[in-house]
Amino acid sequence: MAPDVEWTEMAGFPLAGTFRTPVDVTSNVREILGRDGDGWAAHDHSSVVDGENVVVLARYTATHRATGKSLNVRAAHHFIVRGGLIVRFEQFVDTLKVAEAA
């Protein structure tokens, strides 16, 4: 990630917001997903690259630790990559399905 990354988790997602440094992304997204979701994974299925734009179609899977409910939902990620670093990320996901597992 670029030092000034702009990482946006979708409105309605439990971790919704925009984070502006790799440390913010790690502490406000990655660590919380690992803490709250047992076996949290984003499985990449396909990607489209057009210059610095990368769109990845994925699937999230996890088991919510507090409820024991499973999550299995499709997602799309839009990255802008420059010089091998992620400078921008935007998430698209069915937030209702995520909420149902929480």
N, C-alpha and C. Protein backbone atom coordinates (compact mmCIF):
# COMPACT_ATOMS: atom_id res chain seq x y z
N MET A 1 0.84 -1.18 0.00
CA MET A 1 0.00 0.00 0.00
C MET A 1 0.88 1.25 0.00
N ALA A 2 0.38 2.26 -0.69
CA ALA A 2 1.07 3.55 -0.68
C ALA A 2 0.95 4.18 0.71
N PRO A 3 1.91 5.00 1.11
CA PRO A 3 1.85 5.63 2.43
C PRO A 3 0.62 6.52 2.59
N ASP A 4 0.08 7.05 1.48
CA ASP A 4 -1.10 7.91 1.54
C ASP A 4 -2.31 7.22 0.89
N VAL A 5 -2.41 5.90 1.07
CA VAL A 5 -3.51 5.13 0.51
C VAL A 5 -4.85 5.71 0.92
N GLU A 6 -5.84 5.57 0.06
CA GLU A 6 -7.23 5.92 0.39
C GLU A 6 -8.03 4.62 0.27
N TRP A 7 -8.40 4.03 1.40
CA TRP A 7 -9.02 2.71 1.46
C TRP A 7 -10.44 2.88 1.99
N THR A 8 -11.44 2.58 1.16
CA THR A 8 -12.83 2.81 1.54
C THR A 8 -13.60 1.50 1.64
N GLU A 9 -14.10 1.24 2.84
CA GLU A 9 -15.02 0.13 3.08
C GLU A 9 -16.43 0.69 2.93
N MET A 10 -17.29 -0.03 2.24
CA MET A 10 -18.61 0.43 1.82
C MET A 10 -19.51 0.85 2.98
N ALA A 11 -20.28 1.92 2.77
CA ALA A 11 -21.30 2.33 3.74
C ALA A 11 -22.23 1.16 3.99
N GLY A 12 -22.55 0.91 5.25
CA GLY A 12 -23.38 -0.22 5.63
C GLY A 12 -22.58 -1.45 6.03
N PHE A 13 -21.31 -1.52 5.62
CA PHE A 13 -20.42 -2.59 6.04
C PHE A 13 -20.01 -2.29 7.49
N PRO A 14 -19.85 -3.32 8.34
CA PRO A 14 -19.52 -3.04 9.74
C PRO A 14 -18.29 -2.16 9.95
N LEU A 15 -17.36 -2.17 9.01
CA LEU A 15 -16.13 -1.39 9.15
C LEU A 15 -16.14 -0.18 8.21
N ALA A 16 -17.33 0.30 7.86
CA ALA A 16 -17.48 1.39 6.89
C ALA A 16 -16.62 2.59 7.24
N GLY A 17 -16.04 3.18 6.20
CA GLY A 17 -15.25 4.38 6.38
C GLY A 17 -14.10 4.41 5.40
N THR A 18 -13.39 5.51 5.44
CA THR A 18 -12.21 5.68 4.59
C THR A 18 -10.99 5.82 5.49
N PHE A 19 -9.99 5.03 5.19
CA PHE A 19 -8.77 4.99 5.98
C PHE A 19 -7.62 5.44 5.09
N ARG A 20 -6.70 6.24 5.64
CA ARG A 20 -5.75 6.96 4.80
C ARG A 20 -4.27 6.62 5.00
N THR A 21 -3.99 5.59 5.75
CA THR A 21 -2.61 5.12 5.86
C THR A 21 -2.63 3.59 5.98
N PRO A 22 -1.53 2.93 5.64
CA PRO A 22 -1.49 1.48 5.82
C PRO A 22 -1.75 1.05 7.26
N VAL A 23 -1.28 1.83 8.22
CA VAL A 23 -1.52 1.51 9.63
C VAL A 23 -3.01 1.57 9.94
N ASP A 24 -3.70 2.60 9.42
CA ASP A 24 -5.15 2.71 9.63
C ASP A 24 -5.89 1.52 9.01
N VAL A 25 -5.49 1.11 7.81
CA VAL A 25 -6.14 -0.02 7.15
C VAL A 25 -5.92 -1.29 7.98
N THR A 26 -4.72 -1.49 8.44
CA THR A 26 -4.41 -2.68 9.23
C THR A 26 -5.20 -2.70 10.53
N SER A 27 -5.18 -1.60 11.28
CA SER A 27 -5.82 -1.60 12.60
C SER A 27 -7.34 -1.46 12.54
N ASN A 28 -7.88 -0.80 11.51
CA ASN A 28 -9.33 -0.58 11.45
C ASN A 28 -10.07 -1.54 10.54
N VAL A 29 -9.34 -2.34 9.77
CA VAL A 29 -9.99 -3.30 8.87
C VAL A 29 -9.44 -4.70 9.11
N ARG A 30 -8.20 -4.92 8.76
CA ARG A 30 -7.65 -6.27 8.79
C ARG A 30 -7.67 -6.91 10.17
N GLU A 31 -7.24 -6.17 11.18
CA GLU A 31 -7.21 -6.74 12.53
C GLU A 31 -8.61 -7.03 13.05
N ILE A 32 -9.56 -6.15 12.75
CA ILE A 32 -10.94 -6.34 13.23
C ILE A 32 -11.59 -7.51 12.51
N LEU A 33 -11.37 -7.64 11.21
CA LEU A 33 -11.92 -8.79 10.49
C LEU A 33 -11.40 -10.09 11.08
N GLY A 34 -10.12 -10.14 11.37
CA GLY A 34 -9.53 -11.33 11.98
C GLY A 34 -10.03 -11.59 13.39
N ARG A 35 -10.31 -10.52 14.13
CA ARG A 35 -10.80 -10.66 15.50
C ARG A 35 -12.25 -11.14 15.53
N ASP A 36 -13.10 -10.58 14.66
CA ASP A 36 -14.54 -10.87 14.70
C ASP A 36 -14.96 -12.04 13.83
N GLY A 37 -14.17 -12.36 12.81
CA GLY A 37 -14.56 -13.42 11.89
C GLY A 37 -13.57 -14.56 11.89
N ASP A 38 -14.01 -15.71 12.36
CA ASP A 38 -13.15 -16.90 12.36
C ASP A 38 -12.99 -17.37 10.92
N GLY A 39 -11.75 -17.53 10.47
CA GLY A 39 -11.49 -17.99 9.12
C GLY A 39 -11.80 -16.97 8.04
N TRP A 40 -11.80 -15.69 8.39
CA TRP A 40 -12.12 -14.64 7.42
C TRP A 40 -11.22 -14.76 6.20
N ALA A 41 -11.83 -14.76 5.01
CA ALA A 41 -11.04 -14.82 3.78
C ALA A 41 -11.78 -14.09 2.66
N ALA A 42 -11.02 -13.48 1.80
CA ALA A 42 -11.54 -12.92 0.55
C ALA A 42 -10.94 -13.76 -0.56
N HIS A 43 -11.78 -14.54 -1.21
CA HIS A 43 -11.34 -15.44 -2.27
C HIS A 43 -11.48 -14.72 -3.61
N ASP A 44 -10.38 -14.47 -4.28
CA ASP A 44 -10.40 -13.81 -5.58
C ASP A 44 -10.81 -14.81 -6.65
N HIS A 45 -11.82 -14.43 -7.45
CA HIS A 45 -12.30 -15.31 -8.51
C HIS A 45 -11.82 -14.87 -9.89
N SER A 46 -11.84 -13.58 -10.13
CA SER A 46 -11.38 -13.08 -11.42
C SER A 46 -11.03 -11.61 -11.27
N SER A 47 -10.26 -11.12 -12.24
CA SER A 47 -9.87 -9.71 -12.19
C SER A 47 -9.79 -9.15 -13.60
N VAL A 48 -9.97 -7.86 -13.67
CA VAL A 48 -9.86 -7.12 -14.92
C VAL A 48 -8.89 -5.98 -14.67
N VAL A 49 -7.89 -5.86 -15.54
CA VAL A 49 -6.89 -4.81 -15.40
C VAL A 49 -6.97 -3.90 -16.61
N ASP A 50 -7.07 -2.60 -16.34
CA ASP A 50 -7.07 -1.59 -17.40
C ASP A 50 -6.17 -0.45 -16.93
N GLY A 51 -4.91 -0.50 -17.34
CA GLY A 51 -3.96 0.50 -16.88
C GLY A 51 -3.74 0.36 -15.39
N GLU A 52 -3.99 1.44 -14.66
CA GLU A 52 -3.80 1.39 -13.20
C GLU A 52 -5.05 0.96 -12.46
N ASN A 53 -6.15 0.70 -13.18
CA ASN A 53 -7.40 0.23 -12.57
C ASN A 53 -7.44 -1.29 -12.56
N VAL A 54 -7.75 -1.84 -11.39
CA VAL A 54 -7.88 -3.28 -11.23
C VAL A 54 -9.20 -3.54 -10.51
N VAL A 55 -10.06 -4.35 -11.12
CA VAL A 55 -11.31 -4.75 -10.49
C VAL A 55 -11.21 -6.25 -10.21
N VAL A 56 -11.47 -6.62 -8.97
CA VAL A 56 -11.40 -8.01 -8.56
C VAL A 56 -12.78 -8.44 -8.09
N LEU A 57 -13.27 -9.54 -8.67
CA LEU A 57 -14.51 -10.15 -8.20
C LEU A 57 -14.12 -11.23 -7.21
N ALA A 58 -14.75 -11.19 -6.05
CA ALA A 58 -14.31 -12.06 -4.95
C ALA A 58 -15.51 -12.62 -4.19
N ARG A 59 -15.21 -13.43 -3.22
CA ARG A 59 -16.21 -13.95 -2.29
C ARG A 59 -15.61 -13.87 -0.89
N TYR A 60 -16.39 -13.34 0.06
CA TYR A 60 -15.97 -13.31 1.46
C TYR A 60 -16.56 -14.54 2.15
N THR A 61 -15.75 -15.21 2.94
CA THR A 61 -16.26 -16.29 3.79
C THR A 61 -15.67 -16.12 5.19
N ALA A 62 -16.48 -16.46 6.17
CA ALA A 62 -16.06 -16.40 7.57
C ALA A 62 -17.18 -16.96 8.43
N THR A 63 -16.86 -17.19 9.68
CA THR A 63 -17.87 -17.48 10.69
C THR A 63 -17.74 -16.41 11.75
N HIS A 64 -18.86 -15.71 12.02
CA HIS A 64 -18.84 -14.64 13.01
C HIS A 64 -18.64 -15.25 14.39
N ARG A 65 -17.62 -14.81 15.09
CA ARG A 65 -17.27 -15.41 16.38
C ARG A 65 -18.37 -15.23 17.43
N ALA A 66 -19.04 -14.08 17.43
CA ALA A 66 -20.06 -13.81 18.45
C ALA A 66 -21.35 -14.57 18.20
N THR A 67 -21.75 -14.73 16.93
CA THR A 67 -23.04 -15.35 16.62
C THR A 67 -22.93 -16.79 16.15
N GLY A 68 -21.75 -17.19 15.65
CA GLY A 68 -21.59 -18.51 15.08
C GLY A 68 -22.19 -18.64 13.69
N LYS A 69 -22.72 -17.54 13.14
CA LYS A 69 -23.32 -17.57 11.81
C LYS A 69 -22.24 -17.47 10.74
N SER A 70 -22.51 -18.15 9.63
CA SER A 70 -21.56 -18.15 8.51
C SER A 70 -21.83 -17.01 7.56
N LEU A 71 -20.77 -16.50 6.98
CA LEU A 71 -20.83 -15.48 5.94
C LEU A 71 -20.30 -16.09 4.66
N ASN A 72 -21.05 -15.90 3.57
CA ASN A 72 -20.62 -16.34 2.26
C ASN A 72 -21.27 -15.39 1.27
N VAL A 73 -20.54 -14.36 0.85
CA VAL A 73 -21.12 -13.29 0.05
C VAL A 73 -20.15 -12.84 -1.04
N ARG A 74 -20.71 -12.48 -2.19
CA ARG A 74 -19.90 -11.96 -3.29
C ARG A 74 -19.52 -10.52 -3.01
N ALA A 75 -18.36 -10.12 -3.53
CA ALA A 75 -17.89 -8.75 -3.36
C ALA A 75 -17.11 -8.35 -4.60
N ALA A 76 -16.98 -7.05 -4.79
CA ALA A 76 -16.14 -6.52 -5.85
C ALA A 76 -15.22 -5.47 -5.23
N HIS A 77 -13.99 -5.46 -5.66
CA HIS A 77 -13.00 -4.50 -5.18
C HIS A 77 -12.44 -3.74 -6.36
N HIS A 78 -12.37 -2.42 -6.22
CA HIS A 78 -11.74 -1.59 -7.24
C HIS A 78 -10.47 -1.01 -6.63
N PHE A 79 -9.36 -1.33 -7.25
CA PHE A 79 -8.06 -0.83 -6.82
C PHE A 79 -7.52 0.12 -7.88
N ILE A 80 -6.78 1.12 -7.44
CA ILE A 80 -5.91 1.89 -8.32
C ILE A 80 -4.51 1.60 -7.84
N VAL A 81 -3.68 1.10 -8.77
CA VAL A 81 -2.32 0.68 -8.44
C VAL A 81 -1.35 1.51 -9.26
N ARG A 82 -0.42 2.15 -8.57
CA ARG A 82 0.64 2.93 -9.23
C ARG A 82 1.98 2.50 -8.67
N GLY A 83 2.91 2.24 -9.55
CA GLY A 83 4.24 1.86 -9.11
C GLY A 83 4.24 0.63 -8.23
N GLY A 84 3.29 -0.27 -8.45
CA GLY A 84 3.21 -1.49 -7.66
C GLY A 84 2.57 -1.33 -6.30
N LEU A 85 2.05 -0.14 -5.99
CA LEU A 85 1.42 0.12 -4.69
C LEU A 85 -0.06 0.45 -4.85
N ILE A 86 -0.88 -0.02 -3.92
CA ILE A 86 -2.29 0.34 -3.92
C ILE A 86 -2.40 1.78 -3.43
N VAL A 87 -2.94 2.66 -4.27
CA VAL A 87 -3.13 4.05 -3.85
C VAL A 87 -4.59 4.33 -3.51
N ARG A 88 -5.49 3.49 -4.04
CA ARG A 88 -6.92 3.67 -3.74
C ARG A 88 -7.59 2.31 -3.79
N PHE A 89 -8.54 2.11 -2.87
CA PHE A 89 -9.32 0.88 -2.81
C PHE A 89 -10.76 1.25 -2.49
N GLU A 90 -11.70 0.61 -3.18
CA GLU A 90 -13.12 0.80 -2.85
C GLU A 90 -13.80 -0.56 -2.90
N GLN A 91 -14.57 -0.84 -1.86
CA GLN A 91 -15.24 -2.11 -1.70
C GLN A 91 -16.71 -1.99 -2.09
N PHE A 92 -17.23 -3.05 -2.72
CA PHE A 92 -18.66 -3.16 -3.04
C PHE A 92 -19.11 -4.54 -2.57
N VAL A 93 -20.16 -4.58 -1.71
CA VAL A 93 -20.59 -5.85 -1.15
C VAL A 93 -22.06 -5.71 -0.71
N ASP A 94 -22.76 -6.83 -0.68
CA ASP A 94 -24.14 -6.85 -0.19
C ASP A 94 -24.11 -6.75 1.34
N THR A 95 -24.27 -5.53 1.84
CA THR A 95 -24.12 -5.30 3.28
C THR A 95 -25.23 -5.96 4.09
N LEU A 96 -26.39 -6.22 3.50
CA LEU A 96 -27.45 -6.92 4.22
C LEU A 96 -27.01 -8.34 4.55
N LYS A 97 -26.40 -9.02 3.61
CA LYS A 97 -25.93 -10.39 3.87
C LYS A 97 -24.83 -10.39 4.95
N VAL A 98 -24.00 -9.38 4.94
CA VAL A 98 -22.97 -9.27 5.97
C VAL A 98 -23.62 -9.05 7.33
N ALA A 99 -24.61 -8.16 7.39
CA ALA A 99 -25.31 -7.88 8.66
C ALA A 99 -26.04 -9.11 9.18
N GLU A 100 -26.60 -9.91 8.29
CA GLU A 100 -27.33 -11.11 8.70
C GLU A 100 -26.41 -12.12 9.40
N ALA A 101 -25.14 -12.09 9.09
CA ALA A 101 -24.18 -13.02 9.71
C ALA A 101 -23.64 -12.49 11.02
N ALA A 102 -23.93 -11.25 11.34
CA ALA A 102 -23.36 -10.64 12.54
C ALA A 102 -24.25 -10.71 13.73
